[in-house]
Amino acid sequence: MAEIRLRPFEPADSPALSAWYDSDPQGLEAMMGTPLPDPLACTLAFNAILQRHAERRSIFLMAVCNDRAIGCVIVTDLSPEGDKGRPHIYIVPDERRHSFAVARAGEQMAQQLGIQHFMISVDPNNRRSLLFVKRLGYTDIPHLILRKELSPWQEQEQQLHTGFPSFSEVSAPLDKPSVAAQKAR
């Protein structure tokens, strides 16, 4: 039987992270929830997580099977009280049969650290992930998550409708009339 354990990240693990990106960039993108267009973007994403780990705002552990790194467990968005977080797991494709054991090990570690609640987001089109998290005991919550992209044209449009100046107008030189003042004439 395979022995699954979690251990702290070590500098010697860096080549494994690079190899994971080389062989499975889509898997790492799904785990991180952000596009990783190239190896540098992946390295920067891992560095940001490791920085937050050093600041005690996230947890980063390597998942090891029989002394071989097969993935990682990350907990981000830790609440200030340390009782809530957002888990992420990545397992290399050839070792995904251990995903459930790694997830359970991550949950046990989180409980030992005092984390009481996990909140995750899953692409609703990713059927395998949905089945996996439901098997782990996650349930749907009755909330709709919405997103708004902000862009400069929306800022100008908002001002036209609300009459409130944008930041650029507030910081404009005093001798230059604002867009709102010009339109009021």
Protein backbone atom coordinates (compact mmCIF):
# COMPACT_ATOMS: atom_id res chain seq x y z
CA MET A 1 0.00 0.00 0.00
CA ALA A 2 1.26 3.45 -0.92
CA GLU A 3 2.27 5.75 1.92
CA ILE A 4 0.94 9.29 1.37
CA ARG A 5 2.32 12.10 3.48
CA LEU A 6 2.55 15.87 3.36
CA ARG A 7 5.77 17.72 4.05
CA PRO A 8 7.01 21.30 3.80
CA PHE A 9 8.26 22.60 0.46
CA GLU A 10 12.06 22.51 0.12
CA PRO A 11 14.23 24.38 -2.40
CA ALA A 12 15.16 21.00 -3.90
CA ASP A 13 11.46 20.66 -4.94
CA SER A 14 11.69 23.50 -7.49
CA PRO A 15 12.62 21.21 -10.42
CA ALA A 16 9.51 19.10 -9.70
CA LEU A 17 7.28 22.18 -9.95
CA SER A 18 8.86 23.05 -13.30
CA ALA A 19 8.45 19.48 -14.56
CA TRP A 20 4.77 19.52 -13.55
CA TYR A 21 4.23 22.64 -15.64
CA ASP A 22 6.10 21.13 -18.60
CA SER A 23 3.95 17.99 -18.58
CA ASP A 24 0.58 19.34 -17.36
CA PRO A 25 0.14 23.13 -17.68
CA GLN A 26 -3.66 22.81 -17.87
CA GLY A 27 -3.75 20.87 -14.61
CA LEU A 28 -1.73 23.53 -12.81
CA GLU A 29 -3.92 26.28 -14.30
CA ALA A 30 -7.02 24.50 -13.04
CA MET A 31 -5.50 24.13 -9.57
CA MET A 32 -4.34 27.75 -9.37
CA GLY A 33 -7.41 29.17 -11.03
CA THR A 34 -5.41 31.48 -13.25
CA PRO A 35 -3.88 31.32 -16.74
CA LEU A 36 -0.26 30.22 -16.81
CA PRO A 37 0.81 31.01 -20.38
CA ASP A 38 4.46 30.10 -19.89
CA PRO A 39 6.94 28.64 -17.38
CA LEU A 40 7.80 32.10 -16.02
CA ALA A 41 4.14 32.79 -15.18
CA CYS A 42 4.01 29.44 -13.38
CA THR A 43 7.18 30.19 -11.42
CA LEU A 44 5.82 33.62 -10.43
CA ALA A 45 2.53 32.07 -9.30
CA PHE A 46 4.31 29.50 -7.13
CA ASN A 47 6.62 32.22 -5.75
CA ALA A 48 3.60 34.32 -4.78
CA ILE A 49 2.07 31.37 -2.93
CA LEU A 50 5.37 30.60 -1.20
CA GLN A 51 5.70 34.27 -0.20
CA ARG A 52 2.21 34.19 1.36
CA HIS A 53 3.21 30.93 3.08
CA ALA A 54 6.25 32.68 4.58
CA GLU A 55 3.90 35.44 5.80
CA ARG A 56 1.56 32.78 7.29
CA ARG A 57 -1.26 33.78 4.92
CA SER A 58 -1.29 30.44 3.10
CA ILE A 59 -0.08 26.88 3.51
CA PHE A 60 2.04 25.07 0.92
CA LEU A 61 2.90 21.41 1.38
CA MET A 62 4.31 18.82 -0.97
CA ALA A 63 2.33 15.58 -1.37
CA VAL A 64 4.71 12.63 -1.27
CA CYS A 65 4.07 8.99 -2.12
CA ASN A 66 6.80 6.52 -1.15
CA ASP A 67 9.34 9.39 -0.92
CA ARG A 68 8.44 10.77 -4.38
CA ALA A 69 6.79 14.19 -4.80
CA ILE A 70 3.50 13.56 -6.62
CA GLY A 71 1.77 16.89 -6.07
CA CYS A 72 1.00 19.59 -3.58
CA VAL A 73 -1.64 20.79 -1.16
CA ILE A 74 -2.15 24.53 -0.89
CA VAL A 75 -4.52 26.44 1.37
CA THR A 76 -5.01 30.08 0.37
CA ASP A 77 -7.29 32.88 1.54
CA LEU A 78 -6.71 32.01 5.19
CA SER A 79 -8.97 34.09 7.39
CA PRO A 80 -7.24 36.38 9.92
CA GLU A 81 -8.45 34.03 12.65
CA GLY A 82 -6.95 31.07 10.76
CA ASP A 83 -10.18 29.07 10.91
CA LYS A 84 -11.20 29.29 7.24
CA GLY A 85 -9.33 28.70 4.01
CA ARG A 86 -9.54 27.74 0.38
CA PRO A 87 -7.91 24.38 -0.48
CA HIS A 88 -6.18 23.51 -3.74
CA ILE A 89 -4.60 20.18 -4.61
CA TYR A 90 -2.53 19.19 -7.56
CA ILE A 91 -1.51 15.62 -8.35
CA VAL A 92 0.57 14.68 -11.38
CA PRO A 93 -1.59 12.83 -13.94
CA ASP A 94 0.11 9.43 -13.50
CA GLU A 95 -0.53 9.53 -9.73
CA ARG A 96 -4.12 10.82 -9.64
CA ARG A 97 -5.28 7.53 -8.16
CA HIS A 98 -3.92 9.03 -4.91
CA SER A 99 -5.97 12.25 -5.16
CA PHE A 100 -8.53 11.21 -2.56
CA ALA A 101 -5.84 10.17 -0.04
CA VAL A 102 -3.94 13.45 -0.59
CA ALA A 103 -7.12 15.49 -0.16
CA ARG A 104 -7.95 13.67 3.09
CA ALA A 105 -4.38 14.19 4.36
CA GLY A 106 -4.76 17.90 3.57
CA GLU A 107 -8.05 18.06 5.48
CA GLN A 108 -6.48 16.33 8.50
CA MET A 109 -3.54 18.75 8.43
CA ALA A 110 -5.95 21.70 8.23
CA GLN A 111 -7.95 20.44 11.21
CA GLN A 112 -4.76 20.04 13.23
CA LEU A 113 -3.94 23.68 12.45
CA GLY A 114 -7.37 24.83 13.61
CA ILE A 115 -9.02 25.35 10.24
CA GLN A 116 -12.73 24.57 10.59
CA HIS A 117 -14.16 25.53 7.18
CA PHE A 118 -13.05 25.08 3.59
CA MET A 119 -14.62 26.97 0.68
CA ILE A 120 -13.79 25.92 -2.88
CA SER A 121 -14.74 26.96 -6.36
CA VAL A 122 -14.98 24.49 -9.21
CA ASP A 123 -15.59 25.11 -12.89
CA PRO A 124 -19.16 23.83 -13.35
CA ASN A 125 -18.10 22.29 -16.67
CA ASN A 126 -15.38 20.20 -15.00
CA ARG A 127 -17.46 17.12 -14.27
CA ARG A 128 -14.57 15.08 -12.83
CA SER A 129 -13.70 17.81 -10.32
CA LEU A 130 -17.34 18.23 -9.33
CA LEU A 131 -17.72 14.50 -8.68
CA PHE A 132 -14.44 14.46 -6.77
CA VAL A 133 -15.33 17.30 -4.40
CA LYS A 134 -18.82 15.93 -3.82
CA ARG A 135 -17.23 12.58 -2.91
CA LEU A 136 -15.09 14.50 -0.40
CA GLY A 137 -18.28 15.86 1.18
CA TYR A 138 -18.50 19.36 -0.26
CA THR A 139 -22.02 20.65 -0.83
CA ASP A 140 -23.50 23.40 -2.97
CA ILE A 141 -24.27 26.68 -1.29
CA PRO A 142 -27.16 28.84 -2.48
CA HIS A 143 -25.09 31.78 -3.73
CA LEU A 144 -24.40 33.17 -7.14
CA ILE A 145 -20.94 34.62 -7.69
CA LEU A 146 -20.80 37.53 -10.11
CA ARG A 147 -17.84 39.29 -11.70
CA LYS A 148 -17.39 42.70 -13.25
CA GLU A 149 -14.45 43.66 -15.45
CA LEU A 150 -13.37 47.25 -14.89
CA SER A 151 -11.96 49.28 -17.75
CA PRO A 152 -11.35 52.97 -18.49
CA TRP A 153 -14.42 53.32 -20.72
CA GLN A 154 -16.61 52.09 -17.87
CA GLU A 155 -15.13 54.77 -15.61
CA GLN A 156 -16.08 57.48 -18.12
CA GLU A 157 -19.51 55.93 -18.63
CA GLN A 158 -20.09 55.86 -14.87
CA GLN A 159 -19.22 59.54 -14.58
CA LEU A 160 -21.63 60.47 -17.37
CA HIS A 161 -24.43 58.70 -15.52
CA THR A 162 -23.53 59.63 -11.95
CA GLY A 163 -21.86 63.02 -12.30
CA PHE A 164 -18.98 61.87 -10.10
CA PRO A 165 -15.51 62.70 -11.45
CA SER A 166 -13.02 59.97 -12.12
CA PHE A 167 -9.66 59.81 -10.38
CA SER A 168 -7.90 61.23 -13.45
CA GLU A 169 -10.18 64.25 -13.43
CA VAL A 170 -9.69 64.87 -9.74
CA SER A 171 -5.93 64.81 -10.23
CA ALA A 172 -6.04 66.96 -13.42
CA PRO A 173 -4.35 70.38 -13.39
CA LEU A 174 -6.56 73.13 -11.96
CA ASP A 175 -6.37 75.31 -15.08
CA LYS A 176 -7.81 72.53 -17.27
CA PRO A 177 -11.60 72.13 -17.03
CA SER A 178 -12.78 68.61 -16.19
CA VAL A 179 -14.77 66.53 -18.64
CA ALA A 180 -17.84 66.98 -16.39
CA ALA A 181 -17.42 70.77 -16.41
CA GLN A 182 -17.04 70.82 -20.20
CA LYS A 183 -20.18 68.74 -20.66
CA ALA A 184 -22.13 70.98 -18.26
CA ARG A 185 -21.47 74.04 -20.46
